[in-house]
N, C-alpha and C. Protein backbone atom coordinates (compact mmCIF):
# COMPACT_ATOMS: atom_id res chain seq x y z
N MET A 1 2.52 -2.09 10.14
CA MET A 1 2.43 -2.34 8.44
C MET A 1 3.72 -3.45 8.46
N SER A 2 2.51 -3.45 7.08
CA SER A 2 3.70 -4.45 6.24
C SER A 2 4.10 -3.50 4.87
N ILE A 3 5.68 -3.58 4.21
CA ILE A 3 5.67 -2.79 3.40
C ILE A 3 6.62 -3.91 2.38
N HIS A 4 6.18 -3.46 1.26
CA HIS A 4 7.12 -3.80 -0.21
C HIS A 4 7.73 -3.30 -1.01
N ASN A 5 8.38 -3.99 -1.58
CA ASN A 5 9.72 -2.78 -2.70
C ASN A 5 8.41 -2.32 -3.45
N GLU A 6 7.42 -2.54 -3.77
CA GLU A 6 6.95 -1.87 -5.15
C GLU A 6 6.22 -0.21 -4.24
N ASP A 7 6.07 -0.54 -2.82
CA ASP A 7 5.82 0.62 -2.00
C ASP A 7 6.55 1.72 -1.82
N LEU A 8 7.65 1.43 -1.84
CA LEU A 8 9.04 1.98 -1.99
C LEU A 8 9.57 2.52 -2.71
N HIS A 9 9.46 2.73 -4.28
CA HIS A 9 9.62 3.10 -4.96
C HIS A 9 11.10 2.36 -5.85
N VAL A 10 11.55 1.60 -4.96
CA VAL A 10 13.09 1.48 -5.25
C VAL A 10 13.17 -0.33 -5.05
N ALA A 11 14.07 -1.42 -4.95
CA ALA A 11 14.05 -2.55 -4.51
C ALA A 11 15.10 -2.86 -3.38
N LEU A 12 14.64 -3.29 -2.28
CA LEU A 12 15.63 -3.36 -1.58
C LEU A 12 15.55 -4.72 -1.01
N ASP A 13 16.34 -5.19 -0.28
CA ASP A 13 16.75 -6.55 0.39
C ASP A 13 16.10 -6.52 1.35
N ASP A 14 15.53 -7.68 2.17
CA ASP A 14 14.59 -7.99 3.33
C ASP A 14 15.36 -7.52 4.23
N ASP A 15 16.23 -7.08 4.29
CA ASP A 15 16.70 -6.64 5.98
C ASP A 15 16.83 -4.92 5.67
N ARG A 16 16.72 -4.28 4.45
CA ARG A 16 16.34 -3.18 4.78
C ARG A 16 14.73 -2.82 4.78
N ILE A 17 14.11 -3.75 4.26
CA ILE A 17 12.78 -3.50 4.73
C ILE A 17 11.88 -3.83 6.02
N GLU A 18 13.08 -4.66 7.07
CA GLU A 18 12.38 -4.76 8.09
C GLU A 18 13.16 -3.90 8.96
N THR A 19 14.27 -3.05 8.68
CA THR A 19 14.66 -1.93 9.02
C THR A 19 13.76 -0.58 9.33
N ILE A 20 13.05 -0.65 7.13
CA ILE A 20 12.03 0.64 7.51
C ILE A 20 10.56 0.19 8.36
N GLU A 21 10.72 -0.87 8.69
CA GLU A 21 9.63 -1.37 9.28
C GLU A 21 9.75 -0.97 10.63
N HIS A 22 10.60 -1.03 11.22
CA HIS A 22 10.75 -0.89 12.84
C HIS A 22 11.10 0.35 13.02
N VAL A 23 11.33 1.51 11.49
CA VAL A 23 11.51 2.75 12.11
C VAL A 23 9.96 3.23 11.45
N VAL A 24 9.53 3.22 10.95
CA VAL A 24 7.78 3.05 10.95
C VAL A 24 7.28 2.68 12.28
N ALA A 25 7.00 1.80 12.51
CA ALA A 25 6.39 1.22 13.76
C ALA A 25 6.79 2.31 15.20
N GLU A 26 8.09 2.70 15.29
CA GLU A 26 8.90 3.69 16.30
C GLU A 26 8.00 5.12 15.95
N VAL A 27 7.66 5.62 14.58
CA VAL A 27 7.27 6.76 14.19
C VAL A 27 5.64 6.98 14.95
N GLU A 28 4.87 5.82 14.38
CA GLU A 28 3.82 5.26 14.81
C GLU A 28 3.49 5.45 16.17
N ASP A 29 4.60 4.82 16.96
CA ASP A 29 4.28 4.93 18.24
C ASP A 29 4.76 6.02 18.78
N ASP A 30 5.76 7.16 18.66
CA ASP A 30 5.43 8.28 19.03
C ASP A 30 4.80 8.93 18.31
N ILE A 31 4.05 8.90 17.62
CA ILE A 31 2.55 9.67 17.29
C ILE A 31 1.64 9.55 18.43
N HIS A 32 0.96 8.21 18.73
CA HIS A 32 0.19 8.05 19.62
C HIS A 32 0.55 8.78 20.83
N HIS A 33 1.91 8.93 21.14
CA HIS A 33 2.28 9.26 22.35
C HIS A 33 2.82 10.61 22.63
N GLY A 34 2.08 11.30 21.02
CA GLY A 34 2.52 12.64 21.60
C GLY A 34 3.89 13.27 21.31
N LYS A 35 4.22 12.37 20.66
CA LYS A 35 5.97 12.71 20.97
C LYS A 35 6.55 13.39 19.36
N VAL A 36 5.41 13.45 18.48
CA VAL A 36 6.25 13.70 17.13
C VAL A 36 4.83 15.00 16.83
N SER A 37 5.61 15.66 16.63
CA SER A 37 4.87 17.55 16.38
C SER A 37 5.58 18.43 15.09
N ASP A 38 6.48 17.23 14.59
CA ASP A 38 6.86 18.03 13.10
C ASP A 38 5.99 17.27 12.11
N ASP A 39 6.19 17.67 10.89
CA ASP A 39 5.56 16.99 10.02
C ASP A 39 6.12 15.31 10.04
N VAL A 40 5.36 14.61 9.50
CA VAL A 40 5.57 13.08 9.63
C VAL A 40 6.50 12.56 8.98
N SER A 41 6.65 13.10 7.84
CA SER A 41 7.48 13.02 6.35
C SER A 41 8.75 13.68 6.50
N HIS A 42 8.69 14.82 7.48
CA HIS A 42 10.52 14.98 7.90
C HIS A 42 11.00 14.25 8.86
N VAL A 43 10.01 13.68 10.13
CA VAL A 43 10.46 13.05 11.44
C VAL A 43 10.94 11.55 10.55
N LEU A 44 10.34 11.26 9.15
CA LEU A 44 10.65 9.88 8.78
C LEU A 44 11.73 9.86 8.43
N ALA A 45 11.92 10.70 7.39
CA ALA A 45 13.35 11.03 6.88
C ALA A 45 14.48 10.97 7.28
N LEU A 46 14.64 11.79 8.63
CA LEU A 46 15.46 11.80 9.70
C LEU A 46 15.68 10.72 9.90
N ARG A 47 14.56 10.21 10.33
CA ARG A 47 15.11 8.90 11.21
C ARG A 47 15.49 7.45 10.44
N LEU A 48 15.00 7.49 8.76
CA LEU A 48 15.30 6.68 8.14
C LEU A 48 16.90 6.87 8.17
N GLU A 49 17.36 7.95 7.90
CA GLU A 49 18.30 8.92 7.49
C GLU A 49 19.54 7.86 8.35
N ALA A 50 19.07 8.64 9.86
CA ALA A 50 20.04 7.56 10.51
C ALA A 50 19.59 6.53 10.77
N ALA A 51 18.94 5.71 10.32
CA ALA A 51 19.33 3.91 10.09
C ALA A 51 19.65 3.57 9.22
N GLY A 52 20.45 4.56 8.58
CA GLY A 52 21.33 4.25 7.21
C GLY A 52 20.32 3.58 6.03
N VAL A 53 19.14 3.79 6.10
CA VAL A 53 18.14 3.80 5.02
C VAL A 53 18.16 5.21 4.05
N SER A 54 18.12 5.11 2.87
CA SER A 54 18.30 5.58 2.09
C SER A 54 16.64 5.74 0.71
N LEU A 55 15.65 6.48 0.86
CA LEU A 55 14.44 6.62 0.40
C LEU A 55 14.41 7.66 -0.63
N PRO A 56 14.09 7.35 -1.84
CA PRO A 56 13.66 8.70 -2.60
C PRO A 56 12.48 9.34 -1.86
N PRO A 57 12.46 10.73 -2.01
CA PRO A 57 11.66 11.66 -1.37
C PRO A 57 10.01 10.95 -1.29
N GLU A 58 9.59 10.68 -2.78
CA GLU A 58 8.37 10.08 -2.96
C GLU A 58 7.65 8.96 -2.18
N ALA A 59 8.89 8.41 -1.96
CA ALA A 59 8.65 6.76 -1.26
C ALA A 59 8.49 7.21 0.20
N VAL A 60 9.50 8.36 1.13
CA VAL A 60 8.97 8.63 1.70
C VAL A 60 8.05 9.77 2.35
N ASP A 61 7.44 10.37 1.24
CA ASP A 61 5.96 10.73 1.41
C ASP A 61 5.24 9.64 1.22
N ASP A 62 5.17 8.73 0.61
CA ASP A 62 4.13 7.60 0.57
C ASP A 62 4.23 7.23 1.90
N LEU A 63 5.48 6.67 2.17
CA LEU A 63 5.21 5.82 3.65
C LEU A 63 4.11 6.63 5.20
N ALA A 64 4.97 8.11 4.95
CA ALA A 64 4.61 9.30 5.88
C ALA A 64 2.60 9.17 5.82
N GLU A 65 2.15 8.89 4.48
CA GLU A 65 0.85 9.22 4.38
C GLU A 65 0.10 8.10 5.17
N ALA A 66 0.67 6.87 4.70
CA ALA A 66 0.22 5.60 5.29
C ALA A 66 0.47 5.38 6.88
N ILE A 67 1.40 6.17 7.42
CA ILE A 67 1.73 6.19 8.74
C ILE A 67 0.19 7.07 9.03
N GLU A 68 0.26 8.23 8.46
CA GLU A 68 -0.68 9.41 8.94
C GLU A 68 -2.28 8.77 9.11
N SER A 69 -2.47 7.89 7.93
CA SER A 69 -3.96 7.31 8.13
C SER A 69 -4.03 5.90 8.70
N ASP A 70 -2.89 4.99 9.32
CA ASP A 70 -3.02 3.70 9.95
C ASP A 70 -3.13 4.88 11.43
N VAL A 71 -2.58 5.97 12.02
CA VAL A 71 -2.58 6.48 13.17
C VAL A 71 -4.16 7.19 13.24
N SER A 72 -4.69 7.47 12.02
CA SER A 72 -5.62 8.32 12.31
C SER A 72 -7.06 6.72 12.72
N LEU A 73 -7.06 6.05 12.40
CA LEU A 73 -7.58 5.02 12.60
C LEU A 73 -8.27 4.88 14.10
């Protein structure tokens, strides 16, 4: 999934966006392998926090919705 600043509700540098893309890819992979049984927004928020990225809750929710949409295809 390609992420852009307008998707995140905040302006971030390229390194942060790359980190977010990496976390999103890991969450998607874990969902595909049945390793995520919790709410995707919650899992994503925890993993982003662990990666040192702070996003507004609405941005995390939007990313989680996009992940769920991508995974369901």
